[in-house]
Every structure is written in structure tokens, then in C-alpha cells.
Amino acid sequence: MDLVKLAANKYFELDPENAGKYVVLSNAYATFGYWDNDVEVREMMRSSGIIKEPGYSQIEVQGEVHFFLRDDKSHKLSTQIYKLIKVMTSSLKDAGYIPDLSST
């Protein structure tokens, strides 16, 4: 674990304002159950004023780019989009698909 912390510190020195680096390290700690280290990294972000930009998805349809944030309802077709997602999810479950949620 000491080697990981040393590598992380060197990693942060290269680009200390990059929130993504902190998030990757925090997620790695959480994945392996190192909760104290995870909290420590999140606290480092908070005390340094580093804010993680929210993740998003984007898709281009007929030359128009659409962005979606988690639980975003601002898109003009969001009602239809969420209905379609519900239908697709149900179809996948009916077909026996089981999502691997171990990394979330």
C-alpha cells in the first residue's frame, strides 16, 4: 500500500488540478475495500478545492449532438428516451442478461 501512495503522490504532482486522477485513485481504493484511503483522497480533493465534473454520455443523431447527465430530464425527448430505456432493460432481463455491477 505504501508503494501505491508513493505512486499516487508522484501522479498528483504531474497535474494536481486534474480531478480525474483523484477519482481514479479513490475508486481503486473503494474497489479493494480500502475505505479509509478512499475517504482520505476525497478529503484531499475537498480541501484543495478540486471538483469532479459530472460524467455524461453523448450521442450524435443526424448531425446533432445530444448530451445526457445522470437522471437528466432536460432533453426535449427525455420522456420517450426513458420509456425506451425501460423497455430495453426489460427485454434484456427477459433474455437472461444479468449486469455485472461489481465495479460500481
N, C-alpha and C. Protein backbone atom coordinates (compact mmCIF):
# COMPACT_ATOMS: atom_id res chain seq x y z
N MET A 1 0.83 -1.20 0.00
CA MET A 1 0.00 0.00 0.00
C MET A 1 0.87 1.26 0.00
N ASP A 2 2.01 1.20 0.65
CA ASP A 2 2.90 2.37 0.67
C ASP A 2 3.37 2.72 -0.73
N LEU A 3 3.62 1.71 -1.55
CA LEU A 3 4.05 1.95 -2.93
C LEU A 3 2.94 2.64 -3.73
N VAL A 4 1.70 2.25 -3.49
CA VAL A 4 0.56 2.88 -4.16
C VAL A 4 0.47 4.35 -3.78
N LYS A 5 0.63 4.64 -2.49
CA LYS A 5 0.57 6.03 -2.03
C LYS A 5 1.71 6.86 -2.63
N LEU A 6 2.90 6.28 -2.70
CA LEU A 6 4.04 6.98 -3.30
C LEU A 6 3.76 7.28 -4.77
N ALA A 7 3.28 6.29 -5.49
CA ALA A 7 2.96 6.47 -6.90
C ALA A 7 1.86 7.52 -7.08
N ALA A 8 0.86 7.48 -6.23
CA ALA A 8 -0.24 8.45 -6.32
C ALA A 8 0.27 9.87 -6.09
N ASN A 9 1.13 10.05 -5.11
CA ASN A 9 1.67 11.39 -4.84
C ASN A 9 2.46 11.92 -6.04
N LYS A 10 3.25 11.07 -6.66
CA LYS A 10 4.01 11.48 -7.85
C LYS A 10 3.04 11.80 -9.00
N TYR A 11 2.02 10.99 -9.11
CA TYR A 11 0.99 11.16 -10.13
C TYR A 11 0.31 12.52 -9.98
N PHE A 12 -0.03 12.90 -8.75
CA PHE A 12 -0.70 14.17 -8.50
C PHE A 12 0.22 15.35 -8.76
N GLU A 13 1.52 15.18 -8.54
CA GLU A 13 2.48 16.26 -8.79
C GLU A 13 2.49 16.64 -10.27
N LEU A 14 2.23 15.69 -11.15
CA LEU A 14 2.26 15.96 -12.59
C LEU A 14 1.14 16.90 -13.03
N ASP A 15 -0.02 16.76 -12.42
CA ASP A 15 -1.17 17.57 -12.80
C ASP A 15 -2.12 17.67 -11.60
N PRO A 16 -1.77 18.48 -10.62
CA PRO A 16 -2.51 18.49 -9.35
C PRO A 16 -3.96 18.97 -9.46
N GLU A 17 -4.32 19.67 -10.52
CA GLU A 17 -5.68 20.19 -10.66
C GLU A 17 -6.61 19.22 -11.39
N ASN A 18 -6.09 18.10 -11.84
CA ASN A 18 -6.88 17.14 -12.61
C ASN A 18 -7.70 16.26 -11.67
N ALA A 19 -9.01 16.53 -11.58
CA ALA A 19 -9.89 15.80 -10.67
C ALA A 19 -9.97 14.32 -11.03
N GLY A 20 -9.83 14.00 -12.30
CA GLY A 20 -9.93 12.62 -12.75
C GLY A 20 -8.92 11.71 -12.08
N LYS A 21 -7.74 12.20 -11.83
CA LYS A 21 -6.71 11.39 -11.17
C LYS A 21 -7.12 11.02 -9.76
N TYR A 22 -7.70 11.97 -9.06
CA TYR A 22 -8.17 11.71 -7.70
C TYR A 22 -9.31 10.69 -7.71
N VAL A 23 -10.20 10.86 -8.65
CA VAL A 23 -11.36 9.97 -8.73
C VAL A 23 -10.93 8.54 -9.05
N VAL A 24 -9.98 8.39 -9.96
CA VAL A 24 -9.49 7.05 -10.31
C VAL A 24 -8.87 6.39 -9.09
N LEU A 25 -8.05 7.12 -8.36
CA LEU A 25 -7.41 6.55 -7.16
C LEU A 25 -8.46 6.23 -6.10
N SER A 26 -9.40 7.14 -5.89
CA SER A 26 -10.46 6.91 -4.91
C SER A 26 -11.28 5.67 -5.26
N ASN A 27 -11.63 5.54 -6.52
CA ASN A 27 -12.40 4.36 -6.96
C ASN A 27 -11.59 3.08 -6.81
N ALA A 28 -10.29 3.15 -7.07
CA ALA A 28 -9.44 1.97 -6.90
C ALA A 28 -9.41 1.55 -5.43
N TYR A 29 -9.24 2.51 -4.54
CA TYR A 29 -9.26 2.19 -3.11
C TYR A 29 -10.60 1.56 -2.72
N ALA A 30 -11.69 2.16 -3.18
CA ALA A 30 -13.03 1.65 -2.84
C ALA A 30 -13.24 0.25 -3.38
N THR A 31 -12.77 -0.01 -4.60
CA THR A 31 -12.93 -1.32 -5.21
C THR A 31 -12.30 -2.42 -4.35
N PHE A 32 -11.16 -2.11 -3.74
CA PHE A 32 -10.46 -3.10 -2.94
C PHE A 32 -10.77 -3.00 -1.44
N GLY A 33 -11.75 -2.16 -1.10
CA GLY A 33 -12.20 -2.07 0.28
C GLY A 33 -11.33 -1.22 1.19
N TYR A 34 -10.47 -0.40 0.63
CA TYR A 34 -9.63 0.49 1.43
C TYR A 34 -10.39 1.80 1.68
N TRP A 35 -11.42 1.71 2.50
CA TRP A 35 -12.34 2.83 2.69
C TRP A 35 -11.67 4.04 3.33
N ASP A 36 -10.76 3.82 4.26
CA ASP A 36 -10.08 4.96 4.89
C ASP A 36 -9.27 5.74 3.87
N ASN A 37 -8.61 5.02 2.97
CA ASN A 37 -7.83 5.68 1.92
C ASN A 37 -8.74 6.41 0.94
N ASP A 38 -9.88 5.80 0.64
CA ASP A 38 -10.86 6.42 -0.25
C ASP A 38 -11.31 7.76 0.33
N VAL A 39 -11.66 7.74 1.61
CA VAL A 39 -12.11 8.97 2.28
C VAL A 39 -10.99 10.01 2.29
N GLU A 40 -9.77 9.55 2.50
CA GLU A 40 -8.62 10.46 2.53
C GLU A 40 -8.45 11.17 1.18
N VAL A 41 -8.59 10.44 0.09
CA VAL A 41 -8.45 11.04 -1.24
C VAL A 41 -9.57 12.04 -1.48
N ARG A 42 -10.80 11.67 -1.12
CA ARG A 42 -11.94 12.58 -1.31
C ARG A 42 -11.75 13.85 -0.47
N GLU A 43 -11.19 13.69 0.72
CA GLU A 43 -10.94 14.86 1.58
C GLU A 43 -9.84 15.74 0.98
N MET A 44 -8.82 15.12 0.39
CA MET A 44 -7.77 15.89 -0.30
C MET A 44 -8.39 16.74 -1.40
N MET A 45 -9.31 16.15 -2.15
CA MET A 45 -9.99 16.89 -3.22
C MET A 45 -10.75 18.08 -2.64
N ARG A 46 -11.51 17.81 -1.60
CA ARG A 46 -12.34 18.85 -0.98
C ARG A 46 -11.48 19.99 -0.45
N SER A 47 -10.42 19.65 0.28
CA SER A 47 -9.58 20.68 0.89
C SER A 47 -8.78 21.46 -0.15
N SER A 48 -8.52 20.85 -1.30
CA SER A 48 -7.79 21.54 -2.37
C SER A 48 -8.73 22.30 -3.30
N GLY A 49 -10.03 22.17 -3.08
CA GLY A 49 -11.00 22.86 -3.93
C GLY A 49 -11.17 22.22 -5.29
N ILE A 50 -10.76 20.96 -5.42
CA ILE A 50 -10.88 20.25 -6.69
C ILE A 50 -12.27 19.63 -6.77
N ILE A 51 -12.97 19.92 -7.85
CA ILE A 51 -14.33 19.44 -8.03
C ILE A 51 -14.40 18.55 -9.26
N LYS A 52 -14.98 17.39 -9.08
CA LYS A 52 -15.14 16.46 -10.20
C LYS A 52 -16.30 16.93 -11.07
N GLU A 53 -16.03 17.05 -12.35
CA GLU A 53 -17.09 17.36 -13.30
C GLU A 53 -18.01 16.15 -13.40
N PRO A 54 -19.30 16.35 -13.51
CA PRO A 54 -20.19 15.19 -13.63
C PRO A 54 -19.94 14.44 -14.93
N GLY A 55 -20.06 13.13 -14.86
CA GLY A 55 -19.91 12.32 -16.06
C GLY A 55 -21.13 12.50 -16.96
N TYR A 56 -20.94 12.25 -18.23
CA TYR A 56 -22.04 12.38 -19.17
C TYR A 56 -21.85 11.41 -20.32
N SER A 57 -22.92 11.20 -21.04
CA SER A 57 -22.88 10.44 -22.28
C SER A 57 -23.27 11.37 -23.40
N GLN A 58 -22.80 11.08 -24.58
CA GLN A 58 -23.22 11.87 -25.72
C GLN A 58 -23.42 10.96 -26.92
N ILE A 59 -24.32 11.39 -27.77
CA ILE A 59 -24.60 10.64 -28.99
C ILE A 59 -24.92 11.64 -30.09
N GLU A 60 -24.47 11.33 -31.29
CA GLU A 60 -24.78 12.19 -32.43
C GLU A 60 -25.83 11.49 -33.28
N VAL A 61 -26.93 12.19 -33.54
CA VAL A 61 -28.02 11.67 -34.35
C VAL A 61 -28.31 12.68 -35.45
N GLN A 62 -28.15 12.27 -36.68
CA GLN A 62 -28.41 13.12 -37.84
C GLN A 62 -27.72 14.47 -37.73
N GLY A 63 -26.44 14.43 -37.33
CA GLY A 63 -25.63 15.63 -37.26
C GLY A 63 -25.83 16.47 -36.02
N GLU A 64 -26.74 16.10 -35.14
CA GLU A 64 -26.98 16.85 -33.91
C GLU A 64 -26.43 16.05 -32.72
N VAL A 65 -25.61 16.69 -31.89
CA VAL A 65 -25.01 16.03 -30.73
C VAL A 65 -25.90 16.26 -29.51
N HIS A 66 -26.20 15.17 -28.81
CA HIS A 66 -27.03 15.23 -27.61
C HIS A 66 -26.20 14.78 -26.42
N PHE A 67 -26.27 15.53 -25.32
CA PHE A 67 -25.56 15.21 -24.09
C PHE A 67 -26.57 14.79 -23.03
N PHE A 68 -26.16 13.82 -22.20
CA PHE A 68 -27.02 13.33 -21.13
C PHE A 68 -26.23 13.17 -19.85
N LEU A 69 -26.72 13.79 -18.79
CA LEU A 69 -26.16 13.59 -17.46
C LEU A 69 -27.02 12.55 -16.74
N ARG A 70 -26.52 12.01 -15.66
CA ARG A 70 -27.29 11.04 -14.89
C ARG A 70 -28.60 11.67 -14.42
N ASP A 71 -29.69 10.95 -14.63
CA ASP A 71 -31.03 11.40 -14.24
C ASP A 71 -31.42 12.73 -14.88
N ASP A 72 -30.81 13.06 -16.00
CA ASP A 72 -31.09 14.31 -16.70
C ASP A 72 -32.44 14.23 -17.40
N LYS A 73 -33.29 15.21 -17.15
CA LYS A 73 -34.61 15.25 -17.78
C LYS A 73 -34.77 16.49 -18.66
N SER A 74 -33.67 17.17 -18.96
CA SER A 74 -33.76 18.44 -19.68
C SER A 74 -33.89 18.26 -21.20
N HIS A 75 -33.57 17.10 -21.72
CA HIS A 75 -33.67 16.88 -23.17
C HIS A 75 -35.13 16.91 -23.58
N LYS A 76 -35.40 17.47 -24.76
CA LYS A 76 -36.79 17.62 -25.21
C LYS A 76 -37.50 16.28 -25.41
N LEU A 77 -36.74 15.20 -25.59
CA LEU A 77 -37.35 13.88 -25.78
C LEU A 77 -37.08 12.95 -24.58
N SER A 78 -36.77 13.53 -23.42
CA SER A 78 -36.39 12.70 -22.28
C SER A 78 -37.48 11.69 -21.88
N THR A 79 -38.74 12.07 -21.96
CA THR A 79 -39.81 11.14 -21.60
C THR A 79 -39.77 9.90 -22.48
N GLN A 80 -39.65 10.11 -23.79
CA GLN A 80 -39.59 8.98 -24.71
C GLN A 80 -38.31 8.18 -24.53
N ILE A 81 -37.21 8.87 -24.27
CA ILE A 81 -35.92 8.19 -24.08
C ILE A 81 -35.98 7.27 -22.86
N TYR A 82 -36.50 7.77 -21.74
CA TYR A 82 -36.57 6.95 -20.53
C TYR A 82 -37.55 5.78 -20.69
N LYS A 83 -38.63 5.98 -21.46
CA LYS A 83 -39.55 4.88 -21.73
C LYS A 83 -38.84 3.80 -22.54
N LEU A 84 -38.08 4.21 -23.54
CA LEU A 84 -37.35 3.24 -24.37
C LEU A 84 -36.30 2.49 -23.55
N ILE A 85 -35.60 3.20 -22.67
CA ILE A 85 -34.61 2.55 -21.81
C ILE A 85 -35.28 1.50 -20.93
N LYS A 86 -36.46 1.83 -20.42
CA LYS A 86 -37.20 0.88 -19.58
C LYS A 86 -37.57 -0.37 -20.38
N VAL A 87 -38.03 -0.19 -21.62
CA VAL A 87 -38.40 -1.31 -22.48
C VAL A 87 -37.16 -2.16 -22.79
N MET A 88 -36.06 -1.49 -23.13
CA MET A 88 -34.82 -2.21 -23.45
C MET A 88 -34.31 -3.00 -22.25
N THR A 89 -34.35 -2.38 -21.07
CA THR A 89 -33.90 -3.05 -19.85
C THR A 89 -34.74 -4.29 -19.58
N SER A 90 -36.04 -4.15 -19.74
CA SER A 90 -36.94 -5.28 -19.52
C SER A 90 -36.66 -6.40 -20.52
N SER A 91 -36.45 -6.04 -21.78
CA SER A 91 -36.15 -7.04 -22.82
C SER A 91 -34.85 -7.78 -22.52
N LEU A 92 -33.84 -7.04 -22.07
CA LEU A 92 -32.56 -7.66 -21.74
C LEU A 92 -32.71 -8.63 -20.56
N LYS A 93 -33.46 -8.23 -19.54
CA LYS A 93 -33.68 -9.11 -18.39
C LYS A 93 -34.45 -10.35 -18.81
N ASP A 94 -35.48 -10.17 -19.66
CA ASP A 94 -36.26 -11.31 -20.15
C ASP A 94 -35.39 -12.30 -20.93
N ALA A 95 -34.36 -11.76 -21.59
CA ALA A 95 -33.45 -12.61 -22.37
C ALA A 95 -32.39 -13.27 -21.50
N GLY A 96 -32.41 -12.94 -20.20
CA GLY A 96 -31.46 -13.58 -19.28
C GLY A 96 -30.22 -12.78 -18.97
N TYR A 97 -30.15 -11.56 -19.48
CA TYR A 97 -28.98 -10.73 -19.20
C TYR A 97 -28.95 -10.31 -17.74
N ILE A 98 -27.79 -10.46 -17.12
CA ILE A 98 -27.59 -10.02 -15.74
C ILE A 98 -26.38 -9.08 -15.75
N PRO A 99 -26.60 -7.80 -15.45
CA PRO A 99 -25.48 -6.86 -15.50
C PRO A 99 -24.46 -7.14 -14.39
N ASP A 100 -23.19 -6.89 -14.70
CA ASP A 100 -22.13 -7.03 -13.71
C ASP A 100 -21.97 -5.69 -13.02
N LEU A 101 -22.47 -5.58 -11.81
CA LEU A 101 -22.42 -4.33 -11.06
C LEU A 101 -21.31 -4.30 -10.03
N SER A 102 -20.39 -5.25 -10.13
CA SER A 102 -19.34 -5.36 -9.11
C SER A 102 -18.38 -4.18 -9.11
N SER A 103 -18.25 -3.47 -10.22
CA SER A 103 -17.29 -2.36 -10.28
C SER A 103 -17.95 -1.02 -10.03
N THR A 104 -19.23 -0.98 -9.66
CA THR A 104 -19.87 0.31 -9.42
C THR A 104 -20.10 0.53 -7.95
